[in-house]
N, C-alpha and C. Protein backbone atom coordinates (compact mmCIF):
# COMPACT_ATOMS: atom_id res chain seq x y z
N MET A 1 172.33 103.19 67.56
CA MET A 1 173.68 103.54 67.91
C MET A 1 174.11 104.77 67.13
N HIS A 2 174.78 105.70 67.77
CA HIS A 2 175.18 106.94 67.14
C HIS A 2 176.67 106.91 66.85
N LYS A 3 177.05 107.23 65.62
CA LYS A 3 178.44 107.16 65.21
C LYS A 3 179.16 108.48 65.42
N TYR A 4 178.47 109.55 65.75
CA TYR A 4 179.10 110.84 65.75
C TYR A 4 179.31 111.43 67.14
N PHE A 5 179.02 110.72 68.18
CA PHE A 5 179.32 111.16 69.53
C PHE A 5 180.00 110.00 70.25
N TRP A 6 181.10 110.25 70.90
CA TRP A 6 181.65 109.26 71.81
C TRP A 6 180.96 109.52 73.14
N ALA A 7 180.44 108.51 73.73
CA ALA A 7 179.71 108.68 74.97
C ALA A 7 180.50 108.07 76.11
N ILE A 8 180.57 108.77 77.21
CA ILE A 8 181.27 108.29 78.38
C ILE A 8 180.29 108.31 79.55
N ALA A 9 179.95 107.14 80.07
CA ALA A 9 179.06 107.07 81.22
C ALA A 9 179.92 106.93 82.47
N MET A 10 179.71 107.78 83.44
CA MET A 10 180.52 107.73 84.64
C MET A 10 179.68 107.30 85.83
N THR A 11 180.20 106.35 86.60
CA THR A 11 179.58 105.94 87.85
C THR A 11 180.64 106.05 88.92
N ALA A 12 180.27 105.74 90.15
CA ALA A 12 181.20 105.87 91.26
C ALA A 12 182.41 104.95 91.11
N SER A 13 182.23 103.76 90.54
CA SER A 13 183.33 102.80 90.53
C SER A 13 183.86 102.46 89.15
N ILE A 14 183.19 102.88 88.09
CA ILE A 14 183.60 102.44 86.76
C ILE A 14 183.35 103.54 85.74
N THR A 15 184.21 103.64 84.75
CA THR A 15 184.01 104.54 83.63
C THR A 15 183.91 103.68 82.38
N ALA A 16 182.81 103.78 81.65
CA ALA A 16 182.59 102.94 80.48
C ALA A 16 182.55 103.81 79.23
N TYR A 17 183.24 103.40 78.17
CA TYR A 17 183.24 104.10 76.91
C TYR A 17 182.36 103.35 75.94
N ALA A 18 181.46 104.03 75.26
CA ALA A 18 180.56 103.37 74.33
C ALA A 18 180.10 104.34 73.26
N LEU A 19 179.74 103.81 72.09
CA LEU A 19 179.16 104.62 71.02
C LEU A 19 177.65 104.44 71.08
N GLN A 20 177.05 104.89 72.15
CA GLN A 20 175.62 104.72 72.35
C GLN A 20 175.14 105.79 73.32
N PRO A 21 173.82 105.89 73.53
CA PRO A 21 173.32 106.87 74.48
C PRO A 21 173.94 106.64 75.86
N VAL A 22 174.08 107.71 76.62
CA VAL A 22 174.65 107.63 77.95
C VAL A 22 173.53 107.59 78.97
N ILE A 23 173.57 106.61 79.84
CA ILE A 23 172.57 106.51 80.90
C ILE A 23 173.28 106.70 82.22
N ALA A 24 172.84 107.68 83.00
CA ALA A 24 173.45 107.97 84.29
C ALA A 24 172.39 107.87 85.37
N THR A 25 172.82 107.48 86.57
CA THR A 25 171.89 107.32 87.68
C THR A 25 172.48 107.94 88.94
N ALA A 26 171.66 108.67 89.67
CA ALA A 26 172.00 109.16 91.00
C ALA A 26 170.78 108.88 91.86
N ALA A 27 170.93 108.98 93.15
CA ALA A 27 169.82 108.68 94.05
C ALA A 27 168.58 109.49 93.67
N GLY A 28 167.57 108.83 93.16
CA GLY A 28 166.33 109.49 92.81
C GLY A 28 166.27 110.09 91.42
N VAL A 29 167.39 110.17 90.70
CA VAL A 29 167.40 110.78 89.37
C VAL A 29 168.12 109.86 88.39
N THR A 30 167.48 109.62 87.24
CA THR A 30 168.16 108.92 86.14
C THR A 30 168.17 109.85 84.94
N MET A 31 169.14 109.64 84.05
CA MET A 31 169.23 110.50 82.87
C MET A 31 169.78 109.68 81.71
N ASN A 32 169.22 109.91 80.53
CA ASN A 32 169.68 109.30 79.30
C ASN A 32 169.98 110.46 78.34
N ALA A 33 171.26 110.68 78.02
CA ALA A 33 171.66 111.76 77.11
C ALA A 33 172.00 111.14 75.76
N THR A 34 171.31 111.61 74.71
CA THR A 34 171.46 111.04 73.38
C THR A 34 171.63 112.16 72.35
N PRO A 35 172.62 112.05 71.46
CA PRO A 35 172.73 113.05 70.39
C PRO A 35 171.54 112.95 69.44
N ILE A 36 171.11 114.08 68.90
CA ILE A 36 170.01 114.12 67.94
C ILE A 36 170.62 114.20 66.55
N ALA A 37 170.35 113.19 65.73
CA ALA A 37 170.92 113.11 64.38
C ALA A 37 170.53 114.33 63.55
N GLY A 38 171.51 114.90 62.85
CA GLY A 38 171.25 116.03 61.97
C GLY A 38 171.10 117.34 62.69
N SER A 39 171.44 117.39 63.97
CA SER A 39 171.23 118.59 64.75
C SER A 39 172.38 118.80 65.71
N GLU A 40 172.67 120.03 66.04
CA GLU A 40 173.66 120.35 67.05
C GLU A 40 172.92 120.42 68.39
N ALA A 41 172.37 119.26 68.81
CA ALA A 41 171.58 119.20 70.04
C ALA A 41 171.63 117.79 70.61
N ILE A 42 171.27 117.69 71.88
CA ILE A 42 171.15 116.39 72.53
C ILE A 42 169.76 116.27 73.12
N SER A 43 169.30 115.04 73.23
CA SER A 43 168.03 114.75 73.89
C SER A 43 168.36 114.22 75.28
N VAL A 44 167.76 114.81 76.28
CA VAL A 44 167.95 114.38 77.66
C VAL A 44 166.60 113.95 78.20
N ARG A 45 166.54 112.72 78.65
CA ARG A 45 165.30 112.22 79.25
C ARG A 45 165.65 111.35 80.42
N GLY A 46 164.71 111.20 81.33
CA GLY A 46 164.99 110.38 82.51
C GLY A 46 163.82 110.34 83.45
N ASN A 47 164.14 110.01 84.67
CA ASN A 47 163.13 109.85 85.71
C ASN A 47 163.62 110.54 86.97
N ALA A 48 162.70 111.19 87.66
CA ALA A 48 163.00 111.89 88.91
C ALA A 48 161.76 111.83 89.79
N PRO A 49 161.88 112.22 91.05
CA PRO A 49 160.70 112.22 91.90
C PRO A 49 159.61 113.12 91.32
N PRO A 50 158.37 112.61 91.19
CA PRO A 50 157.28 113.43 90.65
C PRO A 50 157.11 114.71 91.47
N GLY A 51 156.84 115.80 90.79
CA GLY A 51 156.60 117.07 91.47
C GLY A 51 157.86 117.80 91.88
N SER A 52 159.02 117.21 91.65
CA SER A 52 160.29 117.85 92.00
C SER A 52 160.99 118.28 90.72
N PRO A 53 161.15 119.59 90.48
CA PRO A 53 161.77 120.05 89.24
C PRO A 53 163.18 119.50 89.08
N VAL A 54 163.59 119.29 87.83
CA VAL A 54 164.93 118.80 87.50
C VAL A 54 165.66 119.92 86.77
N THR A 55 166.86 120.24 87.24
CA THR A 55 167.70 121.23 86.58
C THR A 55 168.74 120.48 85.75
N ILE A 56 168.73 120.73 84.44
CA ILE A 56 169.69 120.11 83.52
C ILE A 56 170.72 121.18 83.18
N THR A 57 171.98 120.88 83.49
CA THR A 57 173.07 121.82 83.24
C THR A 57 174.02 121.21 82.21
N LEU A 58 174.37 121.98 81.19
CA LEU A 58 175.30 121.55 80.16
C LEU A 58 176.58 122.36 80.29
N LEU A 59 177.70 121.66 80.52
CA LEU A 59 179.02 122.28 80.62
C LEU A 59 179.87 121.84 79.45
N ALA A 60 180.81 122.68 79.02
CA ALA A 60 181.69 122.34 77.90
C ALA A 60 183.14 122.62 78.28
N THR A 61 184.01 121.68 77.91
CA THR A 61 185.45 121.85 78.04
C THR A 61 186.02 121.81 76.64
N PHE A 62 186.48 122.94 76.15
CA PHE A 62 187.02 123.05 74.80
C PHE A 62 188.46 122.58 74.73
N SER A 63 189.19 122.79 75.82
CA SER A 63 190.61 122.45 75.89
C SER A 63 190.99 122.32 77.36
N PRO A 64 191.96 121.45 77.67
CA PRO A 64 192.42 121.37 79.06
C PRO A 64 193.05 122.68 79.54
N ASP A 65 193.45 123.54 78.59
CA ASP A 65 194.09 124.80 78.94
C ASP A 65 193.09 125.93 79.20
N LEU A 66 191.81 125.68 78.95
CA LEU A 66 190.78 126.71 79.13
C LEU A 66 189.81 126.28 80.23
N PRO A 67 189.19 127.24 80.91
CA PRO A 67 188.22 126.87 81.94
C PRO A 67 186.97 126.22 81.33
N THR A 68 186.31 125.42 82.12
CA THR A 68 185.04 124.82 81.71
C THR A 68 183.98 125.91 81.67
N VAL A 69 183.10 125.84 80.67
CA VAL A 69 182.09 126.87 80.43
C VAL A 69 180.70 126.30 80.64
N VAL A 70 179.83 127.08 81.29
CA VAL A 70 178.42 126.71 81.40
C VAL A 70 177.75 127.11 80.09
N VAL A 71 177.28 126.12 79.32
CA VAL A 71 176.65 126.39 78.03
C VAL A 71 175.19 126.76 78.23
N SER A 72 174.48 125.99 79.06
CA SER A 72 173.07 126.29 79.31
C SER A 72 172.59 125.59 80.56
N ARG A 73 171.47 126.07 81.05
CA ARG A 73 170.83 125.47 82.22
C ARG A 73 169.32 125.52 81.97
N HIS A 74 168.65 124.38 82.15
CA HIS A 74 167.22 124.27 81.89
C HIS A 74 166.53 123.61 83.08
N VAL A 75 165.35 124.10 83.42
CA VAL A 75 164.56 123.49 84.48
C VAL A 75 163.35 122.84 83.82
N VAL A 76 163.18 121.54 84.07
CA VAL A 76 162.05 120.80 83.52
C VAL A 76 161.26 120.19 84.67
N GLN A 77 159.98 120.01 84.44
CA GLN A 77 159.09 119.45 85.45
C GLN A 77 158.74 118.01 85.07
N PRO A 78 159.04 117.03 85.92
CA PRO A 78 158.63 115.65 85.62
C PRO A 78 157.11 115.54 85.64
N ASP A 79 156.59 114.59 84.85
CA ASP A 79 155.15 114.35 84.86
C ASP A 79 154.77 113.54 86.11
N ALA A 80 153.50 113.14 86.21
CA ALA A 80 153.00 112.42 87.39
C ALA A 80 153.74 111.10 87.61
N SER A 81 154.30 110.52 86.54
CA SER A 81 155.06 109.27 86.65
C SER A 81 156.53 109.52 86.97
N GLY A 82 156.95 110.78 86.98
CA GLY A 82 158.34 111.13 87.26
C GLY A 82 159.21 111.21 86.02
N ASN A 83 158.62 111.06 84.83
CA ASN A 83 159.40 111.14 83.59
C ASN A 83 159.61 112.59 83.17
N TYR A 84 160.79 112.89 82.67
CA TYR A 84 161.07 114.22 82.13
C TYR A 84 161.86 114.07 80.83
N GLN A 85 161.83 115.11 80.01
CA GLN A 85 162.61 115.13 78.78
C GLN A 85 162.85 116.57 78.34
N ALA A 86 163.96 116.76 77.62
CA ALA A 86 164.29 118.10 77.10
C ALA A 86 165.20 117.94 75.90
N ARG A 87 165.09 118.88 74.98
CA ARG A 87 166.00 118.97 73.83
C ARG A 87 166.92 120.13 74.14
N ILE A 88 168.23 119.84 74.23
CA ILE A 88 169.20 120.85 74.64
C ILE A 88 170.12 121.15 73.45
N ALA A 89 170.09 122.39 72.98
CA ALA A 89 170.98 122.81 71.89
C ALA A 89 172.40 122.96 72.43
N ILE A 90 173.38 122.53 71.63
CA ILE A 90 174.77 122.67 72.03
C ILE A 90 175.45 123.75 71.20
N ALA A 91 174.68 124.66 70.65
CA ALA A 91 175.18 125.64 69.69
C ALA A 91 176.43 126.38 70.15
N ALA A 92 176.55 126.69 71.41
CA ALA A 92 177.72 127.42 71.88
C ALA A 92 178.93 126.50 72.05
N ALA A 93 178.73 125.19 71.91
CA ALA A 93 179.82 124.23 72.14
C ALA A 93 179.87 123.18 71.04
N PHE A 94 179.73 123.61 69.78
CA PHE A 94 179.63 122.63 68.70
C PHE A 94 180.98 122.27 68.08
N GLU A 95 182.08 122.82 68.57
CA GLU A 95 183.40 122.48 68.03
C GLU A 95 183.67 121.00 68.22
N ARG A 96 184.13 120.33 67.16
CA ARG A 96 184.42 118.90 67.22
C ARG A 96 185.48 118.63 68.27
N GLY A 97 185.29 117.60 69.05
CA GLY A 97 186.23 117.24 70.09
C GLY A 97 185.95 117.89 71.43
N THR A 98 184.95 118.78 71.50
CA THR A 98 184.59 119.42 72.77
C THR A 98 183.98 118.37 73.70
N LEU A 99 184.40 118.38 74.95
CA LEU A 99 183.84 117.48 75.96
C LEU A 99 182.64 118.16 76.60
N LEU A 100 181.48 117.54 76.45
CA LEU A 100 180.24 118.06 77.05
C LEU A 100 179.93 117.24 78.31
N ARG A 101 179.62 117.94 79.38
CA ARG A 101 179.18 117.26 80.60
C ARG A 101 177.75 117.71 80.88
N VAL A 102 176.89 116.74 81.10
CA VAL A 102 175.48 117.00 81.35
C VAL A 102 175.16 116.54 82.76
N PHE A 103 174.50 117.40 83.53
CA PHE A 103 174.08 117.06 84.89
C PHE A 103 172.58 117.25 85.01
N ALA A 104 171.89 116.27 85.57
CA ALA A 104 170.47 116.39 85.86
C ALA A 104 170.33 116.29 87.37
N ALA A 105 169.86 117.35 87.99
CA ALA A 105 169.77 117.40 89.46
C ALA A 105 168.34 117.68 89.88
N SER A 106 167.90 116.97 90.91
CA SER A 106 166.57 117.23 91.47
C SER A 106 166.70 118.22 92.61
N ALA A 107 165.57 118.66 93.12
CA ALA A 107 165.56 119.65 94.20
C ALA A 107 166.28 119.12 95.44
N GLY A 108 166.32 117.80 95.61
CA GLY A 108 166.99 117.21 96.76
C GLY A 108 168.50 117.27 96.68
N GLY A 109 169.05 117.75 95.56
CA GLY A 109 170.48 117.91 95.43
C GLY A 109 171.19 116.74 94.76
N THR A 110 170.47 115.66 94.46
CA THR A 110 171.13 114.54 93.79
C THR A 110 171.31 114.87 92.31
N SER A 111 172.41 114.40 91.74
CA SER A 111 172.73 114.73 90.36
C SER A 111 173.21 113.50 89.61
N ALA A 112 172.71 113.31 88.40
CA ALA A 112 173.14 112.23 87.53
C ALA A 112 174.03 112.84 86.45
N PRO A 113 175.35 112.49 86.38
CA PRO A 113 176.24 113.08 85.38
C PRO A 113 176.41 112.18 84.16
N ALA A 114 176.70 112.80 83.02
CA ALA A 114 177.03 112.08 81.79
C ALA A 114 177.98 112.95 80.99
N GLN A 115 178.80 112.33 80.13
CA GLN A 115 179.73 113.07 79.28
C GLN A 115 179.61 112.60 77.85
N LEU A 116 179.73 113.55 76.93
CA LEU A 116 179.71 113.27 75.49
C LEU A 116 180.83 114.06 74.85
N ILE A 117 181.44 113.52 73.80
CA ILE A 117 182.43 114.25 73.02
C ILE A 117 181.79 114.58 71.68
N VAL A 118 181.78 115.87 71.33
CA VAL A 118 181.09 116.34 70.14
C VAL A 118 181.79 115.84 68.88
N GLY A 119 180.99 115.34 67.94
CA GLY A 119 181.44 114.94 66.62
C GLY A 119 180.55 115.63 65.60
N PRO A 120 180.67 115.29 64.33
CA PRO A 120 179.81 115.92 63.32
C PRO A 120 178.36 115.52 63.51
N PRO A 121 177.41 116.39 63.19
CA PRO A 121 176.01 116.10 63.42
C PRO A 121 175.44 114.99 62.53
N ASN A 122 176.07 114.77 61.39
CA ASN A 122 175.61 113.71 60.47
C ASN A 122 176.78 112.78 60.21
N GLY A 123 176.98 111.82 61.10
CA GLY A 123 178.10 110.90 60.98
C GLY A 123 178.11 110.20 59.64
N GLY A 124 179.28 110.13 59.00
CA GLY A 124 179.41 109.46 57.72
C GLY A 124 179.13 110.33 56.51
N VAL A 125 178.58 111.52 56.72
CA VAL A 125 178.30 112.42 55.60
C VAL A 125 179.47 113.38 55.45
N LEU A 126 180.08 113.41 54.28
CA LEU A 126 181.19 114.31 54.04
C LEU A 126 180.69 115.65 53.52
N VAL A 127 181.11 116.70 54.19
CA VAL A 127 180.76 118.07 53.80
C VAL A 127 182.01 118.67 53.18
N PRO A 128 181.92 119.31 52.00
CA PRO A 128 183.11 119.85 51.34
C PRO A 128 183.99 120.71 52.23
N LEU A 129 183.41 121.50 53.11
CA LEU A 129 184.22 122.36 53.98
C LEU A 129 184.99 121.56 55.02
N ASP A 130 184.55 120.33 55.33
CA ASP A 130 185.22 119.50 56.32
C ASP A 130 186.30 118.61 55.73
N THR A 131 186.43 118.59 54.42
CA THR A 131 187.43 117.74 53.79
C THR A 131 188.69 118.54 53.46
N GLU A 132 189.81 117.84 53.42
CA GLU A 132 191.08 118.49 53.12
C GLU A 132 191.19 118.74 51.62
N PRO A 133 191.53 119.97 51.20
CA PRO A 133 191.66 120.26 49.78
C PRO A 133 192.77 119.43 49.13
N ASN A 134 192.60 119.06 47.87
CA ASN A 134 193.60 118.27 47.16
C ASN A 134 194.95 118.97 47.13
N SER A 135 194.96 120.30 47.09
CA SER A 135 196.20 121.06 46.97
C SER A 135 197.08 120.93 48.23
N THR A 136 196.51 120.52 49.35
CA THR A 136 197.30 120.38 50.59
C THR A 136 197.72 118.95 50.87
N LYS A 137 197.24 118.00 50.06
CA LYS A 137 197.60 116.59 50.26
C LYS A 137 198.94 116.32 49.61
N ASN A 138 199.74 115.51 50.25
CA ASN A 138 201.05 115.15 49.70
C ASN A 138 201.01 113.83 49.00
């Protein structure tokens, strides 16, 4: 279980909030998006039709007042069993509280969506720059 990312799994009929990896499913494509401890990156793995490339797109929403930004797009090839995996850096969207949306789409056009909210890369570890100075506390 990861303490530093809020994970939101979205399906057609239900939205579930959990502090765990996000598993999304679309016709023919599954995706598991997991934060990588100690890194400003996520691990994306899943299953898709063998021989059909999967495009993984990472979008970021920094604020409701700003447009959504395409952070990166990666094409991965599933193996003979249909399994795929990728390590996706979120370097352009590492601001705490940023909403990340991950889409894994096969050539057939089906897409499995997932959402994560960025937190600190090492949950529970206090970094001096992230703490409030004593002089500003009342």
